[in-house]
PDB file of N, CA and C in Angstrom:
ATOM      1  N   MET A   1       6.618  15.692   7.325  1.00  0.00           N
ATOM      2  CA  MET A   1       5.297  16.018   7.813  1.00  0.00           C
ATOM      3  C   MET A   1       4.355  14.837   7.541  1.00  0.00           C
ATOM      4  N   PRO A   2       3.641  14.344   8.554  1.00  0.00           N
ATOM      5  CA  PRO A   2       2.752  13.193   8.347  1.00  0.00           C
ATOM      6  C   PRO A   2       1.551  13.553   7.470  1.00  0.00           C
ATOM      7  N   ALA A   3       1.096  12.581   6.733  1.00  0.00           N
ATOM      8  CA  ALA A   3      -0.078  12.782   5.873  1.00  0.00           C
ATOM      9  C   ALA A   3      -1.334  12.887   6.727  1.00  0.00           C
ATOM     10  N   ALA A   4      -2.307  13.639   6.242  1.00  0.00           N
ATOM     11  CA  ALA A   4      -3.579  13.770   6.964  1.00  0.00           C
ATOM     12  C   ALA A   4      -4.316  12.433   6.955  1.00  0.00           C
ATOM     13  N   TRP A   5      -4.971  12.125   8.053  1.00  0.00           N
ATOM     14  CA  TRP A   5      -5.727  10.878   8.129  1.00  0.00           C
ATOM     15  C   TRP A   5      -7.134  11.163   8.585  1.00  0.00           C
ATOM     16  N   PRO A   6      -8.160  10.620   8.040  1.00  0.00           N
ATOM     17  CA  PRO A   6      -8.169   9.799   6.834  1.00  0.00           C
ATOM     18  C   PRO A   6      -8.011  10.649   5.585  1.00  0.00           C
ATOM     19  N   PRO A   7      -7.506  10.053   4.519  1.00  0.00           N
ATOM     20  CA  PRO A   7      -7.323  10.808   3.279  1.00  0.00           C
ATOM     21  C   PRO A   7      -8.655  11.359   2.774  1.00  0.00           C
ATOM     22  N   ARG A   8      -8.639  12.549   2.208  1.00  0.00           N
ATOM     23  CA  ARG A   8      -9.865  13.178   1.711  1.00  0.00           C
ATOM     24  C   ARG A   8     -10.517  12.354   0.600  1.00  0.00           C
ATOM     25  N   ALA A   9      -9.729  11.677  -0.215  1.00  0.00           N
ATOM     26  CA  ALA A   9     -10.295  10.870  -1.302  1.00  0.00           C
ATOM     27  C   ALA A   9     -11.203   9.777  -0.750  1.00  0.00           C
ATOM     28  N   VAL A  10     -10.818   9.184   0.365  1.00  0.00           N
ATOM     29  CA  VAL A  10     -11.633   8.135   0.976  1.00  0.00           C
ATOM     30  C   VAL A  10     -12.938   8.722   1.491  1.00  0.00           C
ATOM     31  N   ILE A  11     -12.885   9.907   2.084  1.00  0.00           N
ATOM     32  CA  ILE A  11     -14.093  10.548   2.599  1.00  0.00           C
ATOM     33  C   ILE A  11     -15.069  10.819   1.461  1.00  0.00           C
ATOM     34  N   ARG A  12     -14.586  11.324   0.355  1.00  0.00           N
ATOM     35  CA  ARG A  12     -15.462  11.593  -0.789  1.00  0.00           C
ATOM     36  C   ARG A  12     -16.080  10.306  -1.327  1.00  0.00           C
ATOM     37  N   LYS A  13     -15.279   9.260  -1.440  1.00  0.00           N
ATOM     38  CA  LYS A  13     -15.772   7.994  -1.971  1.00  0.00           C
ATOM     39  C   LYS A  13     -16.817   7.375  -1.041  1.00  0.00           C
ATOM     40  N   SER A  14     -16.563   7.386   0.252  1.00  0.00           N
ATOM     41  CA  SER A  14     -17.486   6.752   1.183  1.00  0.00           C
ATOM     42  C   SER A  14     -18.796   7.512   1.303  1.00  0.00           C
ATOM     43  N   SER A  15     -18.806   8.814   1.026  1.00  0.00           N
ATOM     44  CA  SER A  15     -20.056   9.564   1.116  1.00  0.00           C
ATOM     45  C   SER A  15     -21.048   9.061   0.070  1.00  0.00           C
ATOM     46  N   GLY A  16     -20.579   8.614  -1.080  1.00  0.00           N
ATOM     47  CA  GLY A  16     -21.463   8.048  -2.089  1.00  0.00           C
ATOM     48  C   GLY A  16     -22.087   6.743  -1.620  1.00  0.00           C
ATOM     49  N   LEU A  17     -21.328   5.954  -0.883  1.00  0.00           N
ATOM     50  CA  LEU A  17     -21.858   4.708  -0.351  1.00  0.00           C
ATOM     51  C   LEU A  17     -22.944   4.985   0.673  1.00  0.00           C
ATOM     52  N   ARG A  18     -22.751   6.004   1.498  1.00  0.00           N
ATOM     53  CA  ARG A  18     -23.754   6.355   2.506  1.00  0.00           C
ATOM     54  C   ARG A  18     -25.025   6.859   1.825  1.00  0.00           C
ATOM     55  N   THR A  19     -24.892   7.571   0.718  1.00  0.00           N
ATOM     56  CA  THR A  19     -26.057   8.049  -0.024  1.00  0.00           C
ATOM     57  C   THR A  19     -26.859   6.866  -0.550  1.00  0.00           C
ATOM     58  N   LEU A  20     -26.190   5.870  -1.087  1.00  0.00           N
ATOM     59  CA  LEU A  20     -26.870   4.675  -1.583  1.00  0.00           C
ATOM     60  C   LEU A  20     -27.561   3.941  -0.443  1.00  0.00           C
ATOM     61  N   GLU A  21     -26.875   3.797   0.693  1.00  0.00           N
ATOM     62  CA  GLU A  21     -27.471   3.121   1.844  1.00  0.00           C
ATOM     63  C   GLU A  21     -28.713   3.874   2.335  1.00  0.00           C
ATOM     64  N   SER A  22     -28.657   5.195   2.358  1.00  0.00           N
ATOM     65  CA  SER A  22     -29.805   6.003   2.788  1.00  0.00           C
ATOM     66  C   SER A  22     -30.986   5.822   1.842  1.00  0.00           C
ATOM     67  N   ALA A  23     -30.729   5.770   0.543  1.00  0.00           N
ATOM     68  CA  ALA A  23     -31.800   5.578  -0.436  1.00  0.00           C
ATOM     69  C   ALA A  23     -32.453   4.210  -0.262  1.00  0.00           C
ATOM     70  N   LEU A  24     -31.662   3.187  -0.019  1.00  0.00           N
ATOM     71  CA  LEU A  24     -32.214   1.852   0.198  1.00  0.00           C
ATOM     72  C   LEU A  24     -33.052   1.811   1.470  1.00  0.00           C
ATOM     73  N   TYR A  25     -32.587   2.498   2.518  1.00  0.00           N
ATOM     74  CA  TYR A  25     -33.324   2.540   3.785  1.00  0.00           C
ATOM     75  C   TYR A  25     -34.671   3.245   3.600  1.00  0.00           C
ATOM     76  N   ARG A  26     -34.680   4.356   2.867  1.00  0.00           N
ATOM     77  CA  ARG A  26     -35.933   5.074   2.605  1.00  0.00           C
ATOM     78  C   ARG A  26     -36.898   4.228   1.780  1.00  0.00           C
ATOM     79  N   ALA A  27     -36.371   3.323   0.963  1.00  0.00           N
ATOM     80  CA  ALA A  27     -37.212   2.442   0.152  1.00  0.00           C
ATOM     81  C   ALA A  27     -37.731   1.259   0.963  1.00  0.00           C
ATOM     82  N   GLY A  28     -37.377   1.194   2.261  1.00  0.00           N
ATOM     83  CA  GLY A  28     -37.873   0.135   3.129  1.00  0.00           C
ATOM     84  C   GLY A  28     -37.038  -1.124   3.127  1.00  0.00           C
ATOM     85  N   LEU A  29     -35.782  -1.031   2.731  1.00  0.00           N
ATOM     86  CA  LEU A  29     -34.937  -2.221   2.640  1.00  0.00           C
ATOM     87  C   LEU A  29     -34.038  -2.434   3.847  1.00  0.00           C
ATOM     88  N   GLY A  30     -34.361  -1.850   4.990  1.00  0.00           N
ATOM     89  CA  GLY A  30     -33.659  -2.126   6.243  1.00  0.00           C
ATOM     90  C   GLY A  30     -32.182  -1.811   6.230  1.00  0.00           C
ATOM     91  N   PRO A  31     -31.484  -2.194   7.292  1.00  0.00           N
ATOM     92  CA  PRO A  31     -30.054  -1.891   7.409  1.00  0.00           C
ATOM     93  C   PRO A  31     -29.218  -2.631   6.360  1.00  0.00           C
ATOM     94  N   VAL A  32     -28.121  -2.016   5.975  1.00  0.00           N
ATOM     95  CA  VAL A  32     -27.194  -2.625   5.027  1.00  0.00           C
ATOM     96  C   VAL A  32     -25.981  -3.104   5.812  1.00  0.00           C
ATOM     97  N   ALA A  33     -25.566  -4.345   5.604  1.00  0.00           N
ATOM     98  CA  ALA A  33     -24.417  -4.915   6.317  1.00  0.00           C
ATOM     99  C   ALA A  33     -23.238  -5.048   5.366  1.00  0.00           C
ATOM    100  N   GLY A  34     -22.040  -4.967   5.911  1.00  0.00           N
ATOM    101  CA  GLY A  34     -20.837  -5.138   5.110  1.00  0.00           C
ATOM    102  C   GLY A  34     -20.142  -6.441   5.456  1.00  0.00           C
ATOM    103  N   VAL A  35     -19.383  -6.970   4.505  1.00  0.00           N
ATOM    104  CA  VAL A  35     -18.660  -8.223   4.704  1.00  0.00           C
ATOM    105  C   VAL A  35     -17.211  -8.005   4.291  1.00  0.00           C
ATOM    106  N   ASP A  36     -16.291  -8.489   5.098  1.00  0.00           N
ATOM    107  CA  ASP A  36     -14.875  -8.409   4.777  1.00  0.00           C
ATOM    108  C   ASP A  36     -14.451  -9.737   4.172  1.00  0.00           C
ATOM    109  N   GLU A  37     -14.086  -9.726   2.892  1.00  0.00           N
ATOM    110  CA  GLU A  37     -13.701 -10.964   2.207  1.00  0.00           C
ATOM    111  C   GLU A  37     -12.201 -11.031   1.943  1.00  0.00           C
ATOM    112  N   VAL A  38     -11.423 -10.165   2.579  1.00  0.00           N
ATOM    113  CA  VAL A  38      -9.999 -10.095   2.290  1.00  0.00           C
ATOM    114  C   VAL A  38      -9.237 -11.284   2.850  1.00  0.00           C
ATOM    115  N   GLY A  39      -9.495 -11.605   4.109  1.00  0.00           N
ATOM    116  CA  GLY A  39      -8.767 -12.703   4.737  1.00  0.00           C
ATOM    117  C   GLY A  39      -9.707 -13.573   5.535  1.00  0.00           C
ATOM    118  N   ARG A  40      -9.139 -14.545   6.248  1.00  0.00           N
ATOM    119  CA  ARG A  40      -9.992 -15.431   7.036  1.00  0.00           C
ATOM    120  C   ARG A  40     -10.492 -14.751   8.295  1.00  0.00           C
ATOM    121  N   GLY A  41      -9.716 -13.839   8.870  1.00  0.00           N
ATOM    122  CA  GLY A  41     -10.112 -13.025  10.012  1.00  0.00           C
ATOM    123  C   GLY A  41     -10.948 -13.737  11.047  1.00  0.00           C
ATOM    124  N   ALA A  42     -12.121 -13.191  11.348  1.00  0.00           N
ATOM    125  CA  ALA A  42     -12.987 -13.722  12.406  1.00  0.00           C
ATOM    126  C   ALA A  42     -13.518 -15.117  12.088  1.00  0.00           C
ATOM    127  N   CYS A  43     -13.594 -15.481  10.830  1.00  0.00           N
ATOM    128  CA  CYS A  43     -14.114 -16.813  10.484  1.00  0.00           C
ATOM    129  C   CYS A  43     -13.137 -17.914  10.894  1.00  0.00           C
ATOM    130  N   ALA A  44     -11.890 -17.557  11.178  1.00  0.00           N
ATOM    131  CA  ALA A  44     -10.916 -18.547  11.616  1.00  0.00           C
ATOM    132  C   ALA A  44     -11.015 -18.796  13.117  1.00  0.00           C
ATOM    133  N   GLY A  45     -11.781 -17.973  13.812  1.00  0.00           N
ATOM    134  CA  GLY A  45     -11.932 -18.111  15.261  1.00  0.00           C
ATOM    135  C   GLY A  45     -13.369 -17.831  15.648  1.00  0.00           C
ATOM    136  N   PRO A  46     -13.597 -17.459  16.909  1.00  0.00           N
ATOM    137  CA  PRO A  46     -14.963 -17.168  17.357  1.00  0.00           C
ATOM    138  C   PRO A  46     -15.575 -16.022  16.556  1.00  0.00           C
ATOM    139  N   LEU A  47     -16.837 -16.147  16.234  1.00  0.00           N
ATOM    140  CA  LEU A  47     -17.553 -15.126  15.475  1.00  0.00           C
ATOM    141  C   LEU A  47     -18.728 -14.654  16.307  1.00  0.00           C
ATOM    142  N   VAL A  48     -18.826 -13.345  16.552  1.00  0.00           N
ATOM    143  CA  VAL A  48     -19.903 -12.774  17.360  1.00  0.00           C
ATOM    144  C   VAL A  48     -20.700 -11.822  16.492  1.00  0.00           C
ATOM    145  N   VAL A  49     -22.012 -11.979  16.493  1.00  0.00           N
ATOM    146  CA  VAL A  49     -22.892 -11.102  15.724  1.00  0.00           C
ATOM    147  C   VAL A  49     -23.796 -10.376  16.693  1.00  0.00           C
ATOM    148  N   ALA A  50     -23.840  -9.058  16.582  1.00  0.00           N
ATOM    149  CA  ALA A  50     -24.685  -8.265  17.489  1.00  0.00           C
ATOM    150  C   ALA A  50     -25.949  -7.816  16.780  1.00  0.00           C
TER     151      ALA A  50
END
């Protein structure tokens, strides 16, 4: 039987991050951006920012 996706543990953990982001937004600190530092990914080729 395949495992459920996404795992419930990830959902619980990420909800805390969203709470922090919401608190920062209410304090007037604008959008929060994330950065992937695992590999070279997009930095090795064209990079598009929207």
